[in-house]
Amino acid sequence: MNRIIFCKFLKKEAEGQEYQIYPGTLGKRIYNEISKLAWEIWMSKQTTIINERKLNMLNLKDRKIIEKHMENFLFKNK
C-alpha cells in the first residue's frame, strides 16, 4: 500500500517514501514531508551540484555542503 503525504516541495499530495532514506532528524523530516518524485528531482540536482563543485562524498566537509543544499532545495526552494 502506498503512503500518501502532503509534499512540501511539490505543494500537493503525492506518494511518500517507503522508508527513511536519510539518517537523523533531517531524514525523518524528509520521510514525512518529501515525496518520491521530489526526492528523484533532488537526486538529479544533487548530481549536478557534486559534479560542478567537484565535491567528494568521502569528505565530511563536502557532505555537509551537499546536506545544506539538500535542505534548502527541498524545504526553502519554493
PDB file of N, CA and C in Angstrom:
ATOM      1  N   MET A   1       0.838  -1.175   0.000  1.00  0.00           N
ATOM      2  CA  MET A   1       0.000   0.000   0.000  1.00  0.00           C
ATOM      3  C   MET A   1       0.893   1.252   0.000  1.00  0.00           C
ATOM      4  N   ASN A   2       0.595   2.164  -0.881  1.00  0.00           N
ATOM      5  CA  ASN A   2       1.379   3.394  -0.994  1.00  0.00           C
ATOM      6  C   ASN A   2       0.991   4.394   0.080  1.00  0.00           C
ATOM      7  N   ARG A   3       2.015   5.050   0.622  1.00  0.00           N
ATOM      8  CA  ARG A   3       1.818   6.115   1.599  1.00  0.00           C
ATOM      9  C   ARG A   3       1.603   7.422   0.864  1.00  0.00           C
ATOM     10  N   ILE A   4       0.529   8.099   1.157  1.00  0.00           N
ATOM     11  CA  ILE A   4       0.273   9.393   0.538  1.00  0.00           C
ATOM     12  C   ILE A   4       0.539  10.469   1.599  1.00  0.00           C
ATOM     13  N   ILE A   5       1.359  11.449   1.214  1.00  0.00           N
ATOM     14  CA  ILE A   5       1.703  12.546   2.120  1.00  0.00           C
ATOM     15  C   ILE A   5       1.449  13.865   1.387  1.00  0.00           C
ATOM     16  N   PHE A   6       1.462  14.948   2.150  1.00  0.00           N
ATOM     17  CA  PHE A   6       1.456  16.260   1.519  1.00  0.00           C
ATOM     18  C   PHE A   6       2.919  16.641   1.353  1.00  0.00           C
ATOM     19  N   CYS A   7       3.369  16.736   0.116  1.00  0.00           N
ATOM     20  CA  CYS A   7       4.767  17.026  -0.190  1.00  0.00           C
ATOM     21  C   CYS A   7       5.015  18.530  -0.107  1.00  0.00           C
ATOM     22  N   LYS A   8       5.937  18.925   0.768  1.00  0.00           N
ATOM     23  CA  LYS A   8       6.273  20.345   0.940  1.00  0.00           C
ATOM     24  C   LYS A   8       6.928  20.921  -0.311  1.00  0.00           C
ATOM     25  N   PHE A   9       7.653  20.092  -1.057  1.00  0.00           N
ATOM     26  CA  PHE A   9       8.334  20.559  -2.259  1.00  0.00           C
ATOM     27  C   PHE A   9       7.345  20.769  -3.405  1.00  0.00           C
ATOM     28  N   LEU A  10       6.506  19.773  -3.645  1.00  0.00           N
ATOM     29  CA  LEU A  10       5.542  19.851  -4.743  1.00  0.00           C
ATOM     30  C   LEU A  10       4.292  20.646  -4.373  1.00  0.00           C
ATOM     31  N   LYS A  11       4.088  20.833  -3.074  1.00  0.00           N
ATOM     32  CA  LYS A  11       2.918  21.542  -2.549  1.00  0.00           C
ATOM     33  C   LYS A  11       1.600  20.867  -2.960  1.00  0.00           C
ATOM     34  N   LYS A  12       1.628  19.535  -2.899  1.00  0.00           N
ATOM     35  CA  LYS A  12       0.417  18.755  -3.170  1.00  0.00           C
ATOM     36  C   LYS A  12       0.597  17.353  -2.607  1.00  0.00           C
ATOM     37  N   GLU A  13      -0.494  16.604  -2.546  1.00  0.00           N
ATOM     38  CA  GLU A  13      -0.417  15.230  -2.082  1.00  0.00           C
ATOM     39  C   GLU A  13       0.284  14.375  -3.133  1.00  0.00           C
ATOM     40  N   ALA A  14       1.146  13.484  -2.654  1.00  0.00           N
ATOM     41  CA  ALA A  14       1.892  12.608  -3.553  1.00  0.00           C
ATOM     42  C   ALA A  14       2.346  11.372  -2.781  1.00  0.00           C
ATOM     43  N   GLU A  15       2.842  10.393  -3.509  1.00  0.00           N
ATOM     44  CA  GLU A  15       3.313   9.156  -2.891  1.00  0.00           C
ATOM     45  C   GLU A  15       4.570   9.428  -2.067  1.00  0.00           C
ATOM     46  N   GLY A  16       4.548   8.985  -0.816  1.00  0.00           N
ATOM     47  CA  GLY A  16       5.677   9.180   0.083  1.00  0.00           C
ATOM     48  C   GLY A  16       6.726   8.093  -0.058  1.00  0.00           C
ATOM     49  N   GLN A  17       7.839   8.299   0.610  1.00  0.00           N
ATOM     50  CA  GLN A  17       8.924   7.323   0.623  1.00  0.00           C
ATOM     51  C   GLN A  17       8.451   6.042   1.315  1.00  0.00           C
ATOM     52  N   GLU A  18       9.036   4.915   0.938  1.00  0.00           N
ATOM     53  CA  GLU A  18       8.684   3.641   1.554  1.00  0.00           C
ATOM     54  C   GLU A  18       9.383   3.454   2.892  1.00  0.00           C
ATOM     55  N   TYR A  19      10.507   4.113   3.064  1.00  0.00           N
ATOM     56  CA  TYR A  19      11.279   4.024   4.303  1.00  0.00           C
ATOM     57  C   TYR A  19      12.118   5.297   4.426  1.00  0.00           C
ATOM     58  N   GLN A  20      12.701   5.507   5.592  1.00  0.00           N
ATOM     59  CA  GLN A  20      13.524   6.692   5.817  1.00  0.00           C
ATOM     60  C   GLN A  20      14.823   6.537   5.030  1.00  0.00           C
ATOM     61  N   ILE A  21      15.027   7.386   4.032  1.00  0.00           N
ATOM     62  CA  ILE A  21      16.156   7.253   3.112  1.00  0.00           C
ATOM     63  C   ILE A  21      17.376   8.063   3.508  1.00  0.00           C
ATOM     64  N   TYR A  22      17.244   8.871   4.547  1.00  0.00           N
ATOM     65  CA  TYR A  22      18.353   9.704   5.015  1.00  0.00           C
ATOM     66  C   TYR A  22      18.353   9.630   6.541  1.00  0.00           C
ATOM     67  N   PRO A  23      19.512   9.596   7.177  1.00  0.00           N
ATOM     68  CA  PRO A  23      19.557   9.412   8.631  1.00  0.00           C
ATOM     69  C   PRO A  23      19.191  10.664   9.429  1.00  0.00           C
ATOM     70  N   GLY A  24      18.908  10.454  10.691  1.00  0.00           N
ATOM     71  CA  GLY A  24      18.735  11.547  11.641  1.00  0.00           C
ATOM     72  C   GLY A  24      17.410  12.282  11.542  1.00  0.00           C
ATOM     73  N   THR A  25      17.405  13.425  12.195  1.00  0.00           N
ATOM     74  CA  THR A  25      16.207  14.271  12.250  1.00  0.00           C
ATOM     75  C   THR A  25      15.810  14.763  10.867  1.00  0.00           C
ATOM     76  N   LEU A  26      16.798  15.152  10.071  1.00  0.00           N
ATOM     77  CA  LEU A  26      16.506  15.593   8.707  1.00  0.00           C
ATOM     78  C   LEU A  26      15.887  14.454   7.902  1.00  0.00           C
ATOM     79  N   GLY A  27      16.374  13.247   8.100  1.00  0.00           N
ATOM     80  CA  GLY A  27      15.813  12.076   7.424  1.00  0.00           C
ATOM     81  C   GLY A  27      14.363  11.838   7.782  1.00  0.00           C
ATOM     82  N   LYS A  28      14.018  12.029   9.051  1.00  0.00           N
ATOM     83  CA  LYS A  28      12.621  11.878   9.483  1.00  0.00           C
ATOM     84  C   LYS A  28      11.750  12.936   8.817  1.00  0.00           C
ATOM     85  N   ARG A  29      12.279  14.149   8.739  1.00  0.00           N
ATOM     86  CA  ARG A  29      11.530  15.230   8.090  1.00  0.00           C
ATOM     87  C   ARG A  29      11.311  14.923   6.604  1.00  0.00           C
ATOM     88  N   ILE A  30      12.340  14.439   5.936  1.00  0.00           N
ATOM     89  CA  ILE A  30      12.227  14.066   4.525  1.00  0.00           C
ATOM     90  C   ILE A  30      11.187  12.957   4.362  1.00  0.00           C
ATOM     91  N   TYR A  31      11.257  11.942   5.217  1.00  0.00           N
ATOM     92  CA  TYR A  31      10.312  10.824   5.150  1.00  0.00           C
ATOM     93  C   TYR A  31       8.866  11.302   5.289  1.00  0.00           C
ATOM     94  N   ASN A  32       8.648  12.253   6.188  1.00  0.00           N
ATOM     95  CA  ASN A  32       7.286  12.720   6.456  1.00  0.00           C
ATOM     96  C   ASN A  32       6.783  13.797   5.504  1.00  0.00           C
ATOM     97  N   GLU A  33       7.694  14.543   4.866  1.00  0.00           N
ATOM     98  CA  GLU A  33       7.275  15.727   4.124  1.00  0.00           C
ATOM     99  C   GLU A  33       7.703  15.780   2.656  1.00  0.00           C
ATOM    100  N   ILE A  34       8.511  14.824   2.194  1.00  0.00           N
ATOM    101  CA  ILE A  34       9.021  14.869   0.824  1.00  0.00           C
ATOM    102  C   ILE A  34       8.614  13.600   0.070  1.00  0.00           C
ATOM    103  N   SER A  35       8.003  13.781  -1.077  1.00  0.00           N
ATOM    104  CA  SER A  35       7.509  12.649  -1.870  1.00  0.00           C
ATOM    105  C   SER A  35       8.641  11.958  -2.641  1.00  0.00           C
ATOM    106  N   LYS A  36       8.312  10.799  -3.172  1.00  0.00           N
ATOM    107  CA  LYS A  36       9.273  10.066  -4.018  1.00  0.00           C
ATOM    108  C   LYS A  36       9.688  10.911  -5.221  1.00  0.00           C
ATOM    109  N   LEU A  37       8.732  11.558  -5.847  1.00  0.00           N
ATOM    110  CA  LEU A  37       9.021  12.377  -7.028  1.00  0.00           C
ATOM    111  C   LEU A  37       9.951  13.530  -6.675  1.00  0.00           C
ATOM    112  N   ALA A  38       9.660  14.216  -5.575  1.00  0.00           N
ATOM    113  CA  ALA A  38      10.521  15.329  -5.155  1.00  0.00           C
ATOM    114  C   ALA A  38      11.932  14.830  -4.851  1.00  0.00           C
ATOM    115  N   TRP A  39      12.040  13.647  -4.243  1.00  0.00           N
ATOM    116  CA  TRP A  39      13.359  13.084  -3.945  1.00  0.00           C
ATOM    117  C   TRP A  39      14.110  12.770  -5.238  1.00  0.00           C
ATOM    118  N   GLU A  40      13.438  12.256  -6.239  1.00  0.00           N
ATOM    119  CA  GLU A  40      14.075  11.984  -7.533  1.00  0.00           C
ATOM    120  C   GLU A  40      14.579  13.277  -8.171  1.00  0.00           C
ATOM    121  N   ILE A  41      13.798  14.334  -8.068  1.00  0.00           N
ATOM    122  CA  ILE A  41      14.211  15.638  -8.597  1.00  0.00           C
ATOM    123  C   ILE A  41      15.470  16.103  -7.861  1.00  0.00           C
ATOM    124  N   TRP A  42      15.465  15.942  -6.531  1.00  0.00           N
ATOM    125  CA  TRP A  42      16.640  16.320  -5.748  1.00  0.00           C
ATOM    126  C   TRP A  42      17.872  15.500  -6.155  1.00  0.00           C
ATOM    127  N   MET A  43      17.709  14.205  -6.343  1.00  0.00           N
ATOM    128  CA  MET A  43      18.852  13.347  -6.685  1.00  0.00           C
ATOM    129  C   MET A  43      19.521  13.823  -7.978  1.00  0.00           C
ATOM    130  N   SER A  44      18.739  14.254  -8.934  1.00  0.00           N
ATOM    131  CA  SER A  44      19.288  14.788 -10.180  1.00  0.00           C
ATOM    132  C   SER A  44      20.043  16.085  -9.918  1.00  0.00           C
ATOM    133  N   LYS A  45      19.443  16.967  -9.114  1.00  0.00           N
ATOM    134  CA  LYS A  45      20.080  18.243  -8.765  1.00  0.00           C
ATOM    135  C   LYS A  45      21.362  18.002  -7.961  1.00  0.00           C
ATOM    136  N   GLN A  46      21.321  17.039  -7.063  1.00  0.00           N
ATOM    137  CA  GLN A  46      22.485  16.707  -6.239  1.00  0.00           C
ATOM    138  C   GLN A  46      23.669  16.292  -7.106  1.00  0.00           C
ATOM    139  N   THR A  47      23.418  15.473  -8.092  1.00  0.00           N
ATOM    140  CA  THR A  47      24.478  15.028  -9.000  1.00  0.00           C
ATOM    141  C   THR A  47      25.118  16.227  -9.689  1.00  0.00           C
ATOM    142  N   THR A  48      24.299  17.164 -10.128  1.00  0.00           N
ATOM    143  CA  THR A  48      24.807  18.375 -10.771  1.00  0.00           C
ATOM    144  C   THR A  48      25.689  19.173  -9.820  1.00  0.00           C
ATOM    145  N   ILE A  49      25.227  19.358  -8.590  1.00  0.00           N
ATOM    146  CA  ILE A  49      25.993  20.124  -7.602  1.00  0.00           C
ATOM    147  C   ILE A  49      27.329  19.443  -7.302  1.00  0.00           C
ATOM    148  N   ILE A  50      27.292  18.132  -7.088  1.00  0.00           N
ATOM    149  CA  ILE A  50      28.524  17.390  -6.793  1.00  0.00           C
ATOM    150  C   ILE A  50      29.521  17.543  -7.931  1.00  0.00           C
ATOM    151  N   ASN A  51      29.059  17.408  -9.151  1.00  0.00           N
ATOM    152  CA  ASN A  51      29.959  17.496 -10.304  1.00  0.00           C
ATOM    153  C   ASN A  51      30.477  18.913 -10.526  1.00  0.00           C
ATOM    154  N   GLU A  52      29.610  19.900 -10.440  1.00  0.00           N
ATOM    155  CA  GLU A  52      30.025  21.284 -10.678  1.00  0.00           C
ATOM    156  C   GLU A  52      31.008  21.779  -9.632  1.00  0.00           C
ATOM    157  N   ARG A  53      30.786  21.399  -8.392  1.00  0.00           N
ATOM    158  CA  ARG A  53      31.645  21.877  -7.301  1.00  0.00           C
ATOM    159  C   ARG A  53      32.784  20.911  -6.993  1.00  0.00           C
ATOM    160  N   LYS A  54      32.820  19.782  -7.731  1.00  0.00           N
ATOM    161  CA  LYS A  54      33.852  18.767  -7.538  1.00  0.00           C
ATOM    162  C   LYS A  54      33.920  18.305  -6.076  1.00  0.00           C
ATOM    163  N   LEU A  55      32.746  18.008  -5.522  1.00  0.00           N
ATOM    164  CA  LEU A  55      32.658  17.570  -4.132  1.00  0.00           C
ATOM    165  C   LEU A  55      33.022  16.094  -4.016  1.00  0.00           C
ATOM    166  N   ASN A  56      33.623  15.739  -2.902  1.00  0.00           N
ATOM    167  CA  ASN A  56      33.998  14.364  -2.606  1.00  0.00           C
ATOM    168  C   ASN A  56      33.127  13.889  -1.451  1.00  0.00           C
ATOM    169  N   MET A  57      32.245  12.939  -1.694  1.00  0.00           N
ATOM    170  CA  MET A  57      31.308  12.500  -0.673  1.00  0.00           C
ATOM    171  C   MET A  57      31.977  11.693   0.437  1.00  0.00           C
ATOM    172  N   LEU A  58      33.259  11.389   0.312  1.00  0.00           N
ATOM    173  CA  LEU A  58      34.002  10.761   1.406  1.00  0.00           C
ATOM    174  C   LEU A  58      34.502  11.808   2.398  1.00  0.00           C
ATOM    175  N   ASN A  59      34.434  13.063   2.012  1.00  0.00           N
ATOM    176  CA  ASN A  59      34.910  14.177   2.823  1.00  0.00           C
ATOM    177  C   ASN A  59      33.727  14.740   3.628  1.00  0.00           C
ATOM    178  N   LEU A  60      33.857  14.777   4.956  1.00  0.00           N
ATOM    179  CA  LEU A  60      32.772  15.247   5.825  1.00  0.00           C
ATOM    180  C   LEU A  60      32.353  16.675   5.488  1.00  0.00           C
ATOM    181  N   LYS A  61      33.309  17.541   5.220  1.00  0.00           N
ATOM    182  CA  LYS A  61      33.009  18.937   4.881  1.00  0.00           C
ATOM    183  C   LYS A  61      32.143  19.016   3.621  1.00  0.00           C
ATOM    184  N   ASP A  62      32.480  18.225   2.606  1.00  0.00           N
ATOM    185  CA  ASP A  62      31.703  18.211   1.366  1.00  0.00           C
ATOM    186  C   ASP A  62      30.311  17.628   1.585  1.00  0.00           C
ATOM    187  N   ARG A  63      30.196  16.608   2.440  1.00  0.00           N
ATOM    188  CA  ARG A  63      28.874  16.045   2.740  1.00  0.00           C
ATOM    189  C   ARG A  63      27.993  17.073   3.442  1.00  0.00           C
ATOM    190  N   LYS A  64      28.581  17.878   4.308  1.00  0.00           N
ATOM    191  CA  LYS A  64      27.822  18.930   4.990  1.00  0.00           C
ATOM    192  C   LYS A  64      27.346  19.986   3.984  1.00  0.00           C
ATOM    193  N   ILE A  65      28.187  20.290   3.003  1.00  0.00           N
ATOM    194  CA  ILE A  65      27.809  21.244   1.949  1.00  0.00           C
ATOM    195  C   ILE A  65      26.602  20.721   1.178  1.00  0.00           C
ATOM    196  N   ILE A  66      26.650  19.458   0.770  1.00  0.00           N
ATOM    197  CA  ILE A  66      25.539  18.899  -0.026  1.00  0.00           C
ATOM    198  C   ILE A  66      24.282  18.777   0.838  1.00  0.00           C
ATOM    199  N   GLU A  67      24.440  18.496   2.130  1.00  0.00           N
ATOM    200  CA  GLU A  67      23.289  18.416   3.022  1.00  0.00           C
ATOM    201  C   GLU A  67      22.593  19.774   3.135  1.00  0.00           C
ATOM    202  N   LYS A  68      23.377  20.838   3.225  1.00  0.00           N
ATOM    203  CA  LYS A  68      22.810  22.191   3.298  1.00  0.00           C
ATOM    204  C   LYS A  68      22.057  22.522   2.006  1.00  0.00           C
ATOM    205  N   HIS A  69      22.643  22.164   0.864  1.00  0.00           N
ATOM    206  CA  HIS A  69      21.966  22.368  -0.422  1.00  0.00           C
ATOM    207  C   HIS A  69      20.658  21.572  -0.460  1.00  0.00           C
ATOM    208  N   MET A  70      20.700  20.334   0.034  1.00  0.00           N
ATOM    209  CA  MET A  70      19.515  19.475   0.026  1.00  0.00           C
ATOM    210  C   MET A  70      18.397  20.098   0.854  1.00  0.00           C
ATOM    211  N   GLU A  71      18.729  20.543   2.049  1.00  0.00           N
ATOM    212  CA  GLU A  71      17.716  21.139   2.909  1.00  0.00           C
ATOM    213  C   GLU A  71      17.121  22.396   2.280  1.00  0.00           C
ATOM    214  N   ASN A  72      17.959  23.241   1.737  1.00  0.00           N
ATOM    215  CA  ASN A  72      17.467  24.453   1.070  1.00  0.00           C
ATOM    216  C   ASN A  72      16.614  24.117  -0.149  1.00  0.00           C
ATOM    217  N   PHE A  73      17.049  23.166  -0.951  1.00  0.00           N
ATOM    218  CA  PHE A  73      16.332  22.790  -2.166  1.00  0.00           C
ATOM    219  C   PHE A  73      14.954  22.196  -1.838  1.00  0.00           C
ATOM    220  N   LEU A  74      14.912  21.279  -0.904  1.00  0.00           N
ATOM    221  CA  LEU A  74      13.659  20.573  -0.616  1.00  0.00           C
ATOM    222  C   LEU A  74      12.666  21.388   0.196  1.00  0.00           C
ATOM    223  N   PHE A  75      13.156  22.239   1.100  1.00  0.00           N
ATOM    224  CA  PHE A  75      12.246  22.898   2.033  1.00  0.00           C
ATOM    225  C   PHE A  75      12.124  24.401   1.868  1.00  0.00           C
ATOM    226  N   LYS A  76      13.071  25.041   1.185  1.00  0.00           N
ATOM    227  CA  LYS A  76      13.027  26.505   1.080  1.00  0.00           C
ATOM    228  C   LYS A  76      13.028  27.001  -0.356  1.00  0.00           C
ATOM    229  N   ASN A  77      12.990  26.091  -1.287  1.00  0.00           N
ATOM    230  CA  ASN A  77      13.124  26.409  -2.703  1.00  0.00           C
ATOM    231  C   ASN A  77      11.932  27.185  -3.254  1.00  0.00           C
ATOM    232  N   LYS A  78      10.752  26.868  -2.792  1.00  0.00           N
ATOM    233  CA  LYS A  78       9.565  27.438  -3.428  1.00  0.00           C
ATOM    234  C   LYS A  78       8.798  28.303  -2.490  1.00  0.00           C
TER     235      LYS A  78
END
